[in-house]
Amino acid sequence: MDNGLPQERTAKGQGKILILEDSKLQAQRLVGILKEAGYSVIAAGDGVEGFHALTGSIPDLIISDIDMPRLDGYGFCNALKKDRELSHIPVILLTSMSEPKHIVEGLRAGADYYLTKPYSKSLLLAMVGSILADGDSSKARNGAQTFEVRARGKRESISADPQQVANFLFSTFDNLVFHNQELSQTRQELKLTNDTLEERIREKTLSLEQEVAERKKAHEALKQTLNGTVVALARSVEMRDPYTAGHQMRVSELATRIARELGFSEDRLEGIRVMGLLHDIGKIIVPAEILTKPSGLTDYEFLFIKAHCKAGYDILKEIQFPWPVATAVFQHHERLNGSGYPLGLPGDRIMMEAKILAVADVTESMSSHRPYRPALGVDAALAEIIGNRGILYATEAADALVKVIKAEGWRESGPRTEVPDQAELPRRVPTSLVRETPRRSSAP
């Protein structure tokens, strides 16, 4: 079925894997699972033995425990990533530690992915297969950037590549989702237990409730860390273009206000907040000189800009968010009449969250300064949205925008904007106000 998303092929690949695990029992289980799946596996007892193994053969992937004698997982990963000949090898940190400080330490060490114990065979093989199928992911990286995250009220400074941060944090999110699903399945199985085992069920339920409380605590810690890192990642993308600093934050805020005006539930409001924060994450692939170019773009340069929707989708598509984040990011430049990109979808095939993002994105972009033009102002943005209401932009989203700005103004730190009635606004904004050249849209 054609759902407006790019079609992907999956292929099962094989590769060579190095395991660093000081527990013989854990090492045997890992080796058995991976060899059964057709991979070539080498095992080492700690980081020192791991480097000895690397002198004989370069693996396609390394799975390393953290707590090991002589050289632990953090130290091994840190040393590996500083070696130019070895830094391209992806590393999965395997550990029972899931506190935010452990996740931050893993990012600092340069690890690429995170897998918590106890892990399932299916989750392990899915992660390994996805990594090896992607090949050398280091080619898509743009170099380390420094940003801050907040974990349990404490600020942490991290220097890392945005793609590495995304891979690492989203793998922790996958772990959390999997363990929650596993817990839910366990509870369902308990409900089907025979009534004659009622006493045993009560005992198991008590134990399970304790486990739920512990997992809920871990969930909140990971959620807090993930949220802080999503914000930091959005900022790291904007650091490449000082003219759009804060753009994703403001679009997220305005889109959330519009969605609240439309009666979205709290869960959907949280989803659209995350979508707004990540809607331009695909601009990681766009060269900085194009983002900050003070004049019109060539057709070739504008192809880079248009590609950011698909790039954002590719970054986010494998992440099991509770909301359709990747789809909204992919569609946020589509328009009702099919004139948008990347697929030119008609309005009935564009999800509502993407329609809201489109309105918020255009409003924020036109209200802000860009290197190729001064700020056009909120009134011009409103004229564009209302003038193309029902043509380019969803009617309900456009009407909600007007209500939000009338009631709350736009940008709490700035002056309140007086919003004229719809009848007083022109039906169209002159094209020269909306697009500097035929190759630039109003919402870059």
Protein backbone atom coordinates (compact mmCIF):
# COMPACT_ATOMS: atom_id res chain seq x y z
CA MET A 1 0.00 0.00 0.00
CA ASP A 2 1.34 3.48 -0.94
CA ASN A 3 1.30 5.54 2.26
CA GLY A 4 3.40 8.50 1.11
CA LEU A 5 6.64 7.12 2.56
CA PRO A 6 9.76 6.01 0.67
CA GLN A 7 9.94 2.27 0.15
CA GLU A 8 12.88 0.50 1.81
CA ARG A 9 14.58 -2.82 1.09
CA THR A 10 16.00 -4.94 3.85
CA ALA A 11 18.78 -7.44 3.38
CA LYS A 12 20.32 -9.84 5.86
CA GLY A 13 24.09 -9.40 5.81
CA GLN A 14 26.90 -11.20 7.53
CA GLY A 15 30.03 -9.81 9.12
CA LYS A 16 32.87 -10.24 11.58
CA ILE A 17 32.17 -9.32 15.21
CA LEU A 18 34.54 -8.84 18.17
CA ILE A 19 33.06 -9.41 21.65
CA LEU A 20 34.63 -7.98 24.84
CA GLU A 21 33.12 -9.72 27.89
CA ASP A 22 34.86 -10.81 31.11
CA SER A 23 32.00 -13.13 32.12
CA LYS A 24 32.55 -16.49 30.43
CA LEU A 25 28.86 -17.36 30.71
CA GLN A 26 27.77 -14.07 29.09
CA ALA A 27 30.48 -14.41 26.42
CA GLN A 28 29.37 -17.96 25.55
CA ARG A 29 25.77 -16.85 25.19
CA LEU A 30 26.71 -13.93 22.92
CA VAL A 31 28.99 -16.08 20.78
CA GLY A 32 26.33 -18.78 20.47
CA ILE A 33 23.57 -16.36 19.41
CA LEU A 34 25.73 -14.57 16.83
CA LYS A 35 27.32 -17.71 15.36
CA GLU A 36 23.89 -19.31 15.03
CA ALA A 37 22.86 -16.25 13.00
CA GLY A 38 25.80 -16.79 10.64
CA TYR A 39 28.28 -14.22 11.92
CA SER A 40 32.02 -14.77 12.42
CA VAL A 41 32.80 -14.09 16.10
CA ILE A 42 35.98 -13.46 18.12
CA ALA A 43 35.84 -13.15 21.95
CA ALA A 44 38.16 -11.27 24.32
CA GLY A 45 38.08 -11.00 28.12
CA ASP A 46 38.69 -7.25 28.44
CA GLY A 47 39.87 -4.15 26.55
CA VAL A 48 43.52 -5.17 26.55
CA GLU A 49 42.76 -8.54 24.97
CA GLY A 50 40.44 -6.73 22.58
CA PHE A 51 43.25 -4.58 21.19
CA HIS A 52 45.43 -7.68 20.81
CA ALA A 53 42.63 -9.25 18.75
CA LEU A 54 42.46 -6.16 16.53
CA THR A 55 46.08 -6.63 15.46
CA GLY A 56 45.17 -9.83 13.67
CA SER A 57 41.85 -8.90 12.06
CA ILE A 58 39.64 -5.81 11.76
CA PRO A 59 36.00 -6.62 12.67
CA ASP A 60 32.87 -5.02 11.21
CA LEU A 61 31.36 -4.47 14.67
CA ILE A 62 32.47 -4.53 18.33
CA ILE A 63 30.19 -5.45 21.25
CA SER A 64 31.79 -4.46 24.56
CA ASP A 65 30.80 -4.88 28.20
CA ILE A 66 31.54 -1.83 30.37
CA ASP A 67 32.67 -3.31 33.70
CA MET A 68 35.85 -5.27 32.87
CA PRO A 69 39.31 -5.68 34.48
CA ARG A 70 42.43 -3.83 33.28
CA LEU A 71 40.73 -1.78 30.55
CA ASP A 72 36.96 -1.25 30.84
CA GLY A 73 34.48 -0.59 28.02
CA TYR A 74 34.65 3.20 28.30
CA GLY A 75 38.45 3.22 28.16
CA PHE A 76 38.56 0.74 25.27
CA CYS A 77 35.98 2.70 23.25
CA ASN A 78 37.71 6.03 23.92
CA ALA A 79 41.07 4.65 22.74
CA LEU A 80 39.51 2.96 19.71
CA LYS A 81 37.78 6.14 18.50
CA LYS A 82 41.07 8.09 18.73
CA ASP A 83 42.76 5.62 16.35
CA ARG A 84 42.22 6.79 12.76
CA GLU A 85 42.48 3.27 11.37
CA LEU A 86 39.97 1.84 13.85
CA SER A 87 37.61 4.74 14.64
CA HIS A 88 35.17 3.75 11.88
CA ILE A 89 34.26 0.47 13.64
CA PRO A 90 30.81 0.81 15.27
CA VAL A 91 30.68 -0.06 18.99
CA ILE A 92 27.72 -1.36 21.01
CA LEU A 93 28.12 -0.87 24.77
CA LEU A 94 26.52 -3.82 26.59
CA THR A 95 25.77 -3.18 30.27
CA SER A 96 23.33 -3.50 33.13
CA MET A 97 23.92 0.18 34.04
CA SER A 98 21.18 2.52 32.79
CA GLU A 99 21.58 5.69 34.87
CA PRO A 100 21.78 8.96 32.85
CA LYS A 101 25.40 9.44 33.98
CA HIS A 102 26.33 6.09 32.40
CA ILE A 103 24.67 7.11 29.13
CA VAL A 104 26.50 10.46 29.14
CA GLU A 105 29.80 8.65 29.84
CA GLY A 106 29.16 6.31 26.92
CA LEU A 107 28.60 9.27 24.60
CA ARG A 108 31.81 10.90 25.78
CA ALA A 109 33.72 7.69 25.11
CA GLY A 110 32.47 7.73 21.52
CA ALA A 111 30.25 4.64 21.64
CA ASP A 112 27.72 4.33 18.82
CA TYR A 113 24.95 2.20 20.36
CA TYR A 114 23.71 1.09 23.80
CA LEU A 115 22.20 -2.27 24.79
CA THR A 116 21.13 -3.01 28.37
CA LYS A 117 21.15 -6.34 30.19
CA PRO A 118 19.13 -8.46 30.31
CA TYR A 119 18.76 -8.30 26.53
CA SER A 120 16.71 -10.48 24.25
CA LYS A 121 18.06 -12.50 21.35
CA SER A 122 15.68 -10.79 18.92
CA LEU A 123 16.63 -7.26 20.04
CA LEU A 124 20.35 -8.07 19.84
CA LEU A 125 20.12 -9.59 16.36
CA ALA A 126 17.88 -6.76 15.10
CA MET A 127 20.39 -4.15 16.26
CA VAL A 128 23.41 -6.04 14.88
CA GLY A 129 21.68 -6.69 11.54
CA SER A 130 20.66 -3.04 11.16
CA ILE A 131 24.17 -1.76 11.93
CA LEU A 132 25.93 -4.15 9.54
CA ALA A 133 23.36 -3.55 6.79
CA ASP A 134 24.07 0.21 6.97
CA GLY A 135 27.80 -0.34 6.37
CA ASP A 136 30.32 2.35 7.33
CA SER A 137 28.10 4.98 8.94
CA SER A 138 31.09 7.20 9.70
CA LYS A 139 31.01 8.48 6.12
CA ALA A 140 27.79 10.39 6.85
CA ARG A 141 29.19 12.20 9.87
CA ASN A 142 30.01 15.91 10.02
CA GLY A 143 32.53 15.94 12.90
CA ALA A 144 32.20 16.41 16.65
CA GLN A 145 30.17 19.29 18.06
CA THR A 146 29.92 20.42 21.68
CA PHE A 147 26.57 20.84 23.38
CA GLU A 148 24.95 20.46 26.80
CA VAL A 149 22.33 18.06 28.12
CA ARG A 150 20.49 18.18 31.43
CA ALA A 151 20.16 14.92 33.35
CA ARG A 152 18.37 14.96 36.72
CA GLY A 153 18.99 18.67 37.09
CA LYS A 154 22.70 18.47 36.31
CA ARG A 155 24.23 20.00 33.18
CA GLU A 156 26.63 17.78 31.24
CA SER A 157 28.85 19.00 28.39
CA ILE A 158 29.38 16.51 25.56
CA SER A 159 31.53 16.68 22.44
CA ALA A 160 30.21 14.23 19.86
CA ASP A 161 29.04 13.84 16.27
CA PRO A 162 25.28 14.50 15.92
CA GLN A 163 24.74 11.20 14.07
CA GLN A 164 26.58 9.29 16.82
CA VAL A 165 24.43 11.03 19.46
CA ALA A 166 21.27 10.14 17.55
CA ASN A 167 22.29 6.47 17.14
CA PHE A 168 23.34 6.14 20.80
CA LEU A 169 20.33 7.83 22.38
CA PHE A 170 17.78 6.26 20.09
CA SER A 171 19.23 2.79 20.84
CA THR A 172 18.65 3.50 24.56
CA PHE A 173 15.09 4.42 23.65
CA ASP A 174 14.70 1.13 21.75
CA ASN A 175 15.88 -0.71 24.88
CA LEU A 176 13.32 1.08 26.99
CA VAL A 177 10.48 0.40 24.56
CA PHE A 178 11.43 -3.27 24.33
CA HIS A 179 11.58 -3.79 28.09
CA ASN A 180 8.23 -2.04 28.53
CA GLN A 181 6.67 -4.27 25.87
CA GLU A 182 8.21 -7.33 27.51
CA LEU A 183 6.78 -6.27 30.86
CA SER A 184 3.34 -5.72 29.34
CA GLN A 185 3.41 -9.17 27.77
CA THR A 186 4.37 -10.72 31.10
CA ARG A 187 1.40 -9.10 32.79
CA GLN A 188 -0.97 -10.39 30.12
CA GLU A 189 0.35 -13.90 30.58
CA LEU A 190 -0.23 -13.64 34.33
CA LYS A 191 -3.90 -12.79 33.73
CA LEU A 192 -4.36 -16.09 31.89
CA THR A 193 -2.96 -18.17 34.74
CA ASN A 194 -5.31 -20.79 36.19
CA ASP A 195 -7.42 -19.72 39.17
CA THR A 196 -5.97 -22.59 41.18
CA LEU A 197 -2.65 -20.70 41.19
CA GLU A 198 -4.20 -17.62 42.78
CA GLU A 199 -1.77 -17.49 45.68
CA ARG A 200 1.22 -17.78 43.38
CA ILE A 201 -0.29 -15.10 41.14
CA ARG A 202 -0.51 -12.72 44.10
CA GLU A 203 3.12 -13.37 44.94
CA LYS A 204 4.19 -12.85 41.33
CA THR A 205 2.05 -9.73 41.06
CA LEU A 206 3.73 -8.21 44.11
CA SER A 207 7.13 -8.95 42.62
CA LEU A 208 6.01 -7.64 39.27
CA GLU A 209 4.71 -4.39 40.76
CA GLN A 210 8.09 -3.82 42.34
CA GLU A 211 9.71 -4.48 38.98
CA VAL A 212 7.25 -2.10 37.29
CA ALA A 213 8.18 0.60 39.80
CA GLU A 214 11.87 0.06 39.12
CA ARG A 215 11.36 0.03 35.37
CA LYS A 216 9.16 3.12 35.58
CA LYS A 217 11.95 4.88 37.45
CA ALA A 218 14.44 3.82 34.78
CA HIS A 219 11.95 4.88 32.08
CA GLU A 220 11.66 8.38 33.55
CA ALA A 221 15.45 8.69 33.79
CA LEU A 222 15.92 7.59 30.17
CA LYS A 223 13.04 9.78 29.01
CA GLN A 224 14.62 12.80 30.70
CA THR A 225 18.00 12.04 29.16
CA LEU A 226 16.47 11.41 25.72
CA ASN A 227 14.48 14.64 25.86
CA GLY A 228 17.55 16.65 26.82
CA THR A 229 19.57 15.05 24.05
CA VAL A 230 16.83 15.62 21.42
CA VAL A 231 16.88 19.32 22.35
CA ALA A 232 20.69 19.40 22.27
CA LEU A 233 20.74 17.60 18.91
CA ALA A 234 18.29 20.13 17.46
CA ARG A 235 20.54 22.93 18.69
CA SER A 236 23.65 21.28 17.28
CA VAL A 237 22.03 21.29 13.81
CA GLU A 238 21.17 24.98 14.16
CA MET A 239 24.74 25.80 15.29
CA ARG A 240 25.77 25.27 11.66
CA ASP A 241 23.53 28.20 10.64
CA PRO A 242 23.43 31.11 13.15
CA TYR A 243 20.51 32.71 11.26
CA THR A 244 18.19 29.84 12.20
CA ALA A 245 19.32 29.47 15.83
CA GLY A 246 16.24 28.64 17.89
CA HIS A 247 14.10 28.01 14.78
CA GLN A 248 13.21 24.41 15.67
CA MET A 249 12.46 25.38 19.28
CA ARG A 250 10.10 28.17 18.18
CA VAL A 251 8.38 26.00 15.57
CA SER A 252 7.89 23.31 18.23
CA GLU A 253 6.37 25.84 20.63
CA LEU A 254 4.03 27.38 18.03
CA ALA A 255 2.97 23.99 16.62
CA THR A 256 2.15 22.78 20.15
CA ARG A 257 0.00 25.88 20.75
CA ILE A 258 -1.85 25.35 17.47
CA ALA A 259 -2.43 21.66 18.29
CA ARG A 260 -3.72 22.57 21.76
CA GLU A 261 -6.15 25.03 20.18
CA LEU A 262 -7.35 22.14 17.95
CA GLY A 263 -8.03 19.98 21.02
CA PHE A 264 -5.15 17.49 20.78
CA SER A 265 -4.70 15.16 23.76
CA GLU A 266 -1.70 15.61 26.06
CA ASP A 267 0.00 12.60 24.47
CA ARG A 268 -0.42 14.00 20.93
CA LEU A 269 0.77 17.41 22.15
CA GLU A 270 3.98 15.80 23.42
CA GLY A 271 4.35 14.06 20.07
CA ILE A 272 4.04 17.26 18.03
CA ARG A 273 6.45 19.00 20.41
CA VAL A 274 9.09 16.36 19.59
CA MET A 275 8.24 16.55 15.87
CA GLY A 276 8.80 20.30 15.92
CA LEU A 277 12.14 19.95 17.68
CA LEU A 278 13.35 17.43 15.07
CA HIS A 279 11.62 18.64 11.89
CA ASP A 280 14.84 20.06 10.38
CA ILE A 281 17.24 17.38 11.67
CA GLY A 282 17.84 16.31 8.06
CA LYS A 283 19.74 19.56 7.46
CA ILE A 284 22.74 17.73 8.92
CA ILE A 285 23.42 16.67 5.31
CA VAL A 286 23.27 20.21 3.89
CA PRO A 287 26.65 21.96 3.58
CA ALA A 288 26.91 24.97 5.91
CA GLU A 289 27.82 27.30 3.02
CA ILE A 290 24.44 26.59 1.42
CA LEU A 291 22.53 27.15 4.67
CA THR A 292 24.17 30.54 5.21
CA LYS A 293 24.37 31.70 1.58
CA PRO A 294 23.25 35.38 1.44
CA SER A 295 21.94 35.20 -2.12
CA GLY A 296 19.65 33.02 -4.23
CA LEU A 297 20.40 29.32 -4.55
CA THR A 298 21.18 27.49 -7.77
CA ASP A 299 18.91 24.60 -8.76
CA TYR A 300 21.63 22.18 -7.66
CA GLU A 301 21.97 23.87 -4.24
CA PHE A 302 18.22 23.89 -3.72
CA LEU A 303 18.18 20.11 -4.30
CA PHE A 304 20.27 19.82 -1.11
CA ILE A 305 17.69 21.88 0.80
CA LYS A 306 14.80 19.77 -0.51
CA ALA A 307 16.63 16.58 0.43
CA HIS A 308 16.51 17.39 4.16
CA CYS A 309 12.98 15.96 4.55
CA LYS A 310 14.03 12.52 3.27
CA ALA A 311 17.31 12.69 5.24
CA GLY A 312 15.39 13.46 8.45
CA TYR A 313 13.05 10.55 7.75
CA ASP A 314 15.99 8.19 7.21
CA ILE A 315 17.55 9.24 10.53
CA LEU A 316 14.33 8.74 12.51
CA LYS A 317 12.47 5.91 10.73
CA GLU A 318 13.91 3.01 12.78
CA ILE A 319 13.23 4.70 16.13
CA GLN A 320 10.16 3.34 17.89
CA PHE A 321 8.72 6.65 19.06
CA PRO A 322 5.19 6.49 20.54
CA TRP A 323 4.23 8.95 17.78
CA PRO A 324 4.76 9.01 13.96
CA VAL A 325 7.71 11.43 14.22
CA ALA A 326 9.55 10.25 11.08
CA THR A 327 6.42 10.54 8.91
CA ALA A 328 5.66 14.09 10.11
CA VAL A 329 9.28 15.15 9.48
CA PHE A 330 9.11 13.60 6.00
CA GLN A 331 5.86 15.44 5.09
CA HIS A 332 6.27 18.89 6.71
CA HIS A 333 7.02 20.59 3.35
CA GLU A 334 4.09 18.97 1.52
CA ARG A 335 1.17 21.27 0.58
CA LEU A 336 -2.57 20.65 0.16
CA ASN A 337 -2.58 21.26 -3.61
CA GLY A 338 0.33 18.88 -4.22
CA SER A 339 2.89 21.64 -4.90
CA GLY A 340 5.14 20.72 -1.95
CA TYR A 341 8.04 18.30 -1.64
CA PRO A 342 9.54 15.71 -1.54
CA LEU A 343 6.65 13.67 -3.04
CA GLY A 344 4.07 16.33 -3.97
CA LEU A 345 1.40 14.64 -1.83
CA PRO A 346 -2.21 15.94 -1.97
CA GLY A 347 -3.88 17.10 1.21
CA ASP A 348 -5.76 13.88 1.96
CA ARG A 349 -2.45 11.99 2.17
CA ILE A 350 -0.70 14.44 4.51
CA MET A 351 -0.98 13.68 8.21
CA MET A 352 -2.50 16.37 10.46
CA GLU A 353 0.70 16.84 12.49
CA ALA A 354 2.62 17.62 9.29
CA LYS A 355 -0.04 20.17 8.26
CA ILE A 356 0.35 21.92 11.63
CA LEU A 357 4.15 21.87 11.35
CA ALA A 358 3.88 23.46 7.88
CA VAL A 359 1.86 26.40 9.24
CA ALA A 360 4.16 26.88 12.25
CA ASP A 361 7.29 26.52 10.10
CA VAL A 362 6.21 29.16 7.55
CA THR A 363 5.06 31.58 10.25
CA GLU A 364 8.33 31.35 12.20
CA SER A 365 10.52 31.48 9.09
CA MET A 366 8.85 34.58 7.62
CA SER A 367 8.92 36.32 11.02
CA SER A 368 12.68 35.81 11.41
CA HIS A 369 15.75 37.24 9.73
CA ARG A 370 17.53 35.14 7.11
CA PRO A 371 20.90 35.76 5.40
CA TYR A 372 19.16 36.36 2.07
CA ARG A 373 16.43 38.74 3.40
CA PRO A 374 15.36 40.69 6.49
CA ALA A 375 12.50 39.51 8.70
CA LEU A 376 9.15 39.98 6.93
CA GLY A 377 7.16 40.16 10.17
CA VAL A 378 4.20 38.33 11.67
CA ASP A 379 1.62 40.27 9.64
CA ALA A 380 3.19 39.13 6.36
CA ALA A 381 3.33 35.56 7.67
CA LEU A 382 -0.36 35.68 8.63
CA ALA A 383 -1.26 37.08 5.23
CA GLU A 384 0.62 34.20 3.56
CA ILE A 385 -1.11 31.56 5.71
CA ILE A 386 -4.62 33.03 5.54
CA GLY A 387 -4.27 33.99 1.87
CA ASN A 388 -3.46 30.36 1.03
CA ARG A 389 -5.83 28.84 3.60
CA GLY A 390 -7.40 25.74 2.06
CA ILE A 391 -4.99 25.93 -0.93
CA LEU A 392 -1.54 25.32 0.50
CA TYR A 393 -2.29 25.15 4.23
CA ALA A 394 -4.94 23.23 6.20
CA THR A 395 -7.95 25.43 7.00
CA GLU A 396 -8.24 24.27 10.62
CA ALA A 397 -4.53 24.82 11.28
CA ALA A 398 -4.61 28.31 9.73
CA ASP A 399 -7.68 29.31 11.78
CA ALA A 400 -6.09 27.95 14.97
CA LEU A 401 -2.93 29.97 14.25
CA VAL A 402 -4.95 33.21 14.08
CA LYS A 403 -6.66 32.38 17.41
CA VAL A 404 -3.34 31.57 19.08
CA ILE A 405 -1.69 34.82 17.98
CA LYS A 406 -4.75 36.91 18.87
CA ALA A 407 -4.91 35.35 22.34
CA GLU A 408 -1.21 34.98 23.17
CA GLY A 409 0.85 36.99 20.69
CA TRP A 410 3.96 35.47 19.15
CA ARG A 411 7.30 35.14 20.96
CA GLU A 412 6.69 35.99 24.57
CA SER A 413 9.99 37.90 24.77
CA GLY A 414 8.91 40.35 22.03
CA PRO A 415 6.07 42.86 21.60
CA ARG A 416 2.49 41.66 21.31
CA THR A 417 1.25 41.53 17.73
CA GLU A 418 -2.14 42.99 16.85
CA VAL A 419 -3.90 40.60 14.46
CA PRO A 420 -6.38 42.11 11.97
CA ASP A 421 -9.60 40.34 11.09
CA GLN A 422 -9.40 37.90 8.21
CA ALA A 423 -11.50 40.19 6.02
CA GLU A 424 -8.86 42.92 6.35
CA LEU A 425 -6.00 40.68 5.17
CA PRO A 426 -5.12 40.41 1.45
CA ARG A 427 -6.08 37.17 -0.25
CA ARG A 428 -2.47 36.69 -1.41
CA VAL A 429 0.91 37.89 -0.25
CA PRO A 430 3.04 39.19 -3.15
CA THR A 431 5.37 36.45 -4.30
CA SER A 432 8.35 38.79 -3.80
CA LEU A 433 7.61 38.88 -0.06
CA VAL A 434 7.38 35.12 0.30
CA ARG A 435 10.24 33.94 -1.94
CA GLU A 436 13.47 35.78 -2.53
CA THR A 437 14.11 33.78 -5.72
CA PRO A 438 12.09 31.09 -7.53
CA ARG A 439 14.43 28.58 -5.92
CA ARG A 440 13.73 29.53 -2.30
CA SER A 441 10.53 28.70 -0.43
CA SER A 442 9.06 30.82 2.36
CA ALA A 443 9.95 28.14 4.90
CA PRO A 444 13.57 27.09 4.37
